[in-house]
Structures are given as structure tokens and as C-alpha cells.
Amino acid sequence: MQEGSGLGLYISKMLLEKMGGEILCSNVTPGFQVSLMIPLD
């Protein structure tokens, strides 16, 4: 498994928040879950 700095996730979070959305992250077995909430209007 390759590890990163998390910079891409941070940039995604900033962009989503500027658009009125949000990003939710959680640990699941096995792995990691990322949910994106993007407004359609």
C-alpha cells in the first residue's frame, strides 16, 4: 500500500467547501471511505 501526504484530499475539501459542499471521511473495515456532498443547484 502506498501512502501520500494527504494534500489532494485537503485541496478537494477546500474546493468543495467553496462550492457549498462537504467531504466526509471515515475508517471502514477494511480500508477508508470518502463521501462527497455536492449541491446540484
PDB file of N, CA and C in Angstrom:
ATOM      1  N   MET A   1       0.842  -1.175   0.000  1.00  0.00           N
ATOM      2  CA  MET A   1       0.000   0.000   0.000  1.00  0.00           C
ATOM      3  C   MET A   1       0.889   1.240   0.000  1.00  0.00           C
ATOM      4  N   GLN A   2       0.526   2.199  -0.840  1.00  0.00           N
ATOM      5  CA  GLN A   2       1.312   3.423  -0.945  1.00  0.00           C
ATOM      6  C   GLN A   2       0.662   4.532  -0.124  1.00  0.00           C
ATOM      7  N   GLU A   3       1.466   5.276   0.597  1.00  0.00           N
ATOM      8  CA  GLU A   3       0.963   6.377   1.409  1.00  0.00           C
ATOM      9  C   GLU A   3       1.304   7.706   0.754  1.00  0.00           C
ATOM     10  N   GLY A   4       0.432   8.693   0.954  1.00  0.00           N
ATOM     11  CA  GLY A   4       0.677  10.022   0.421  1.00  0.00           C
ATOM     12  C   GLY A   4       0.666  11.048   1.532  1.00  0.00           C
ATOM     13  N   SER A   5       0.755  12.300   1.129  1.00  0.00           N
ATOM     14  CA  SER A   5       0.796  13.383   2.108  1.00  0.00           C
ATOM     15  C   SER A   5      -0.599  13.845   2.507  1.00  0.00           C
ATOM     16  N   GLY A   6      -1.635  13.457   1.737  1.00  0.00           N
ATOM     17  CA  GLY A   6      -2.994  13.906   2.033  1.00  0.00           C
ATOM     18  C   GLY A   6      -3.307  15.259   1.425  1.00  0.00           C
ATOM     19  N   LEU A   7      -2.386  15.802   0.647  1.00  0.00           N
ATOM     20  CA  LEU A   7      -2.575  17.125   0.055  1.00  0.00           C
ATOM     21  C   LEU A   7      -3.753  17.144  -0.917  1.00  0.00           C
ATOM     22  N   GLY A   8      -3.926  16.100  -1.702  1.00  0.00           N
ATOM     23  CA  GLY A   8      -5.049  16.032  -2.643  1.00  0.00           C
ATOM     24  C   GLY A   8      -6.389  16.064  -1.933  1.00  0.00           C
ATOM     25  N   LEU A   9      -6.484  15.384  -0.820  1.00  0.00           N
ATOM     26  CA  LEU A   9      -7.715  15.372  -0.027  1.00  0.00           C
ATOM     27  C   LEU A   9      -7.987  16.754   0.557  1.00  0.00           C
ATOM     28  N   TYR A  10      -6.950  17.433   0.988  1.00  0.00           N
ATOM     29  CA  TYR A  10      -7.087  18.783   1.544  1.00  0.00           C
ATOM     30  C   TYR A  10      -7.564  19.760   0.458  1.00  0.00           C
ATOM     31  N   ILE A  11      -6.965  19.687  -0.716  1.00  0.00           N
ATOM     32  CA  ILE A  11      -7.363  20.563  -1.820  1.00  0.00           C
ATOM     33  C   ILE A  11      -8.813  20.292  -2.213  1.00  0.00           C
ATOM     34  N   SER A  12      -9.195  19.021  -2.285  1.00  0.00           N
ATOM     35  CA  SER A  12     -10.582  18.655  -2.599  1.00  0.00           C
ATOM     36  C   SER A  12     -11.543  19.230  -1.569  1.00  0.00           C
ATOM     37  N   LYS A  13     -11.177  19.147  -0.303  1.00  0.00           N
ATOM     38  CA  LYS A  13     -12.009  19.682   0.776  1.00  0.00           C
ATOM     39  C   LYS A  13     -12.208  21.184   0.617  1.00  0.00           C
ATOM     40  N   MET A  14     -11.134  21.904   0.333  1.00  0.00           N
ATOM     41  CA  MET A  14     -11.217  23.358   0.173  1.00  0.00           C
ATOM     42  C   MET A  14     -12.119  23.730  -1.011  1.00  0.00           C
ATOM     43  N   LEU A  15     -11.977  23.030  -2.139  1.00  0.00           N
ATOM     44  CA  LEU A  15     -12.797  23.313  -3.312  1.00  0.00           C
ATOM     45  C   LEU A  15     -14.267  23.001  -3.059  1.00  0.00           C
ATOM     46  N   LEU A  16     -14.552  21.876  -2.433  1.00  0.00           N
ATOM     47  CA  LEU A  16     -15.937  21.507  -2.133  1.00  0.00           C
ATOM     48  C   LEU A  16     -16.594  22.515  -1.203  1.00  0.00           C
ATOM     49  N   GLU A  17     -15.872  22.963  -0.189  1.00  0.00           N
ATOM     50  CA  GLU A  17     -16.432  23.942   0.738  1.00  0.00           C
ATOM     51  C   GLU A  17     -16.712  25.270   0.045  1.00  0.00           C
ATOM     52  N   LYS A  18     -15.873  25.678  -0.911  1.00  0.00           N
ATOM     53  CA  LYS A  18     -16.109  26.912  -1.663  1.00  0.00           C
ATOM     54  C   LYS A  18     -17.370  26.797  -2.522  1.00  0.00           C
ATOM     55  N   MET A  19     -17.710  25.567  -2.950  1.00  0.00           N
ATOM     56  CA  MET A  19     -18.903  25.333  -3.766  1.00  0.00           C
ATOM     57  C   MET A  19     -20.140  25.049  -2.909  1.00  0.00           C
ATOM     58  N   GLY A  20     -19.979  25.096  -1.583  1.00  0.00           N
ATOM     59  CA  GLY A  20     -21.106  24.843  -0.698  1.00  0.00           C
ATOM     60  C   GLY A  20     -21.315  23.372  -0.367  1.00  0.00           C
ATOM     61  N   GLY A  21     -20.343  22.543  -0.681  1.00  0.00           N
ATOM     62  CA  GLY A  21     -20.447  21.118  -0.397  1.00  0.00           C
ATOM     63  C   GLY A  21     -19.599  20.732   0.805  1.00  0.00           C
ATOM     64  N   GLU A  22     -19.460  19.435   0.997  1.00  0.00           N
ATOM     65  CA  GLU A  22     -18.613  18.948   2.084  1.00  0.00           C
ATOM     66  C   GLU A  22     -18.045  17.590   1.728  1.00  0.00           C
ATOM     67  N   ILE A  23     -16.997  17.220   2.414  1.00  0.00           N
ATOM     68  CA  ILE A  23     -16.360  15.928   2.231  1.00  0.00           C
ATOM     69  C   ILE A  23     -16.327  15.242   3.596  1.00  0.00           C
ATOM     70  N   LEU A  24     -16.727  13.986   3.628  1.00  0.00           N
ATOM     71  CA  LEU A  24     -16.761  13.212   4.868  1.00  0.00           C
ATOM     72  C   LEU A  24     -15.837  12.011   4.712  1.00  0.00           C
ATOM     73  N   CYS A  25     -14.986  11.782   5.695  1.00  0.00           N
ATOM     74  CA  CYS A  25     -14.033  10.679   5.659  1.00  0.00           C
ATOM     75  C   CYS A  25     -14.225   9.800   6.890  1.00  0.00           C
ATOM     76  N   SER A  26     -14.103   8.488   6.683  1.00  0.00           N
ATOM     77  CA  SER A  26     -14.217   7.581   7.821  1.00  0.00           C
ATOM     78  C   SER A  26     -13.437   6.303   7.547  1.00  0.00           C
ATOM     79  N   ASN A  27     -13.022   5.662   8.618  1.00  0.00           N
ATOM     80  CA  ASN A  27     -12.359   4.365   8.522  1.00  0.00           C
ATOM     81  C   ASN A  27     -13.423   3.279   8.473  1.00  0.00           C
ATOM     82  N   VAL A  28     -13.268   2.373   7.538  1.00  0.00           N
ATOM     83  CA  VAL A  28     -14.145   1.209   7.449  1.00  0.00           C
ATOM     84  C   VAL A  28     -13.262  -0.023   7.350  1.00  0.00           C
ATOM     85  N   THR A  29     -13.806  -1.150   7.692  1.00  0.00           N
ATOM     86  CA  THR A  29     -13.008  -2.376   7.659  1.00  0.00           C
ATOM     87  C   THR A  29     -13.326  -3.153   6.397  1.00  0.00           C
ATOM     88  N   PRO A  30     -12.398  -3.441   5.527  1.00  0.00           N
ATOM     89  CA  PRO A  30     -11.033  -2.908   5.519  1.00  0.00           C
ATOM     90  C   PRO A  30     -10.979  -1.644   4.663  1.00  0.00           C
ATOM     91  N   GLY A  31     -10.212  -0.680   5.035  1.00  0.00           N
ATOM     92  CA  GLY A  31      -9.983   0.490   4.197  1.00  0.00           C
ATOM     93  C   GLY A  31     -10.454   1.815   4.752  1.00  0.00           C
ATOM     94  N   PHE A  32     -10.823   2.688   3.819  1.00  0.00           N
ATOM     95  CA  PHE A  32     -11.108   4.081   4.118  1.00  0.00           C
ATOM     96  C   PHE A  32     -12.236   4.513   3.193  1.00  0.00           C
ATOM     97  N   GLN A  33     -13.206   5.252   3.706  1.00  0.00           N
ATOM     98  CA  GLN A  33     -14.344   5.694   2.905  1.00  0.00           C
ATOM     99  C   GLN A  33     -14.372   7.220   2.828  1.00  0.00           C
ATOM    100  N   VAL A  34     -14.576   7.734   1.613  1.00  0.00           N
ATOM    101  CA  VAL A  34     -14.687   9.187   1.386  1.00  0.00           C
ATOM    102  C   VAL A  34     -16.024   9.437   0.703  1.00  0.00           C
ATOM    103  N   SER A  35     -16.834  10.318   1.297  1.00  0.00           N
ATOM    104  CA  SER A  35     -18.123  10.693   0.718  1.00  0.00           C
ATOM    105  C   SER A  35     -18.085  12.162   0.345  1.00  0.00           C
ATOM    106  N   LEU A  36     -18.547  12.476  -0.855  1.00  0.00           N
ATOM    107  CA  LEU A  36     -18.592  13.859  -1.336  1.00  0.00           C
ATOM    108  C   LEU A  36     -20.042  14.301  -1.409  1.00  0.00           C
ATOM    109  N   MET A  37     -20.350  15.425  -0.786  1.00  0.00           N
ATOM    110  CA  MET A  37     -21.685  16.006  -0.832  1.00  0.00           C
ATOM    111  C   MET A  37     -21.593  17.270  -1.679  1.00  0.00           C
ATOM    112  N   ILE A  38     -22.190  17.224  -2.891  1.00  0.00           N
ATOM    113  CA  ILE A  38     -22.084  18.334  -3.843  1.00  0.00           C
ATOM    114  C   ILE A  38     -23.470  18.868  -4.147  1.00  0.00           C
ATOM    115  N   PRO A  39     -23.702  20.178  -3.921  1.00  0.00           N
ATOM    116  CA  PRO A  39     -25.007  20.741  -4.214  1.00  0.00           C
ATOM    117  C   PRO A  39     -25.265  20.762  -5.731  1.00  0.00           C
ATOM    118  N   LEU A  40     -26.497  20.494  -6.127  1.00  0.00           N
ATOM    119  CA  LEU A  40     -26.836  20.435  -7.531  1.00  0.00           C
ATOM    120  C   LEU A  40     -27.369  21.755  -8.077  1.00  0.00           C
ATOM    121  N   ASP A  41     -27.650  22.699  -7.218  1.00  0.00           N
ATOM    122  CA  ASP A  41     -28.192  23.970  -7.714  1.00  0.00           C
ATOM    123  C   ASP A  41     -27.153  25.028  -7.887  1.00  0.00           C
TER     124      ASP A  41
END
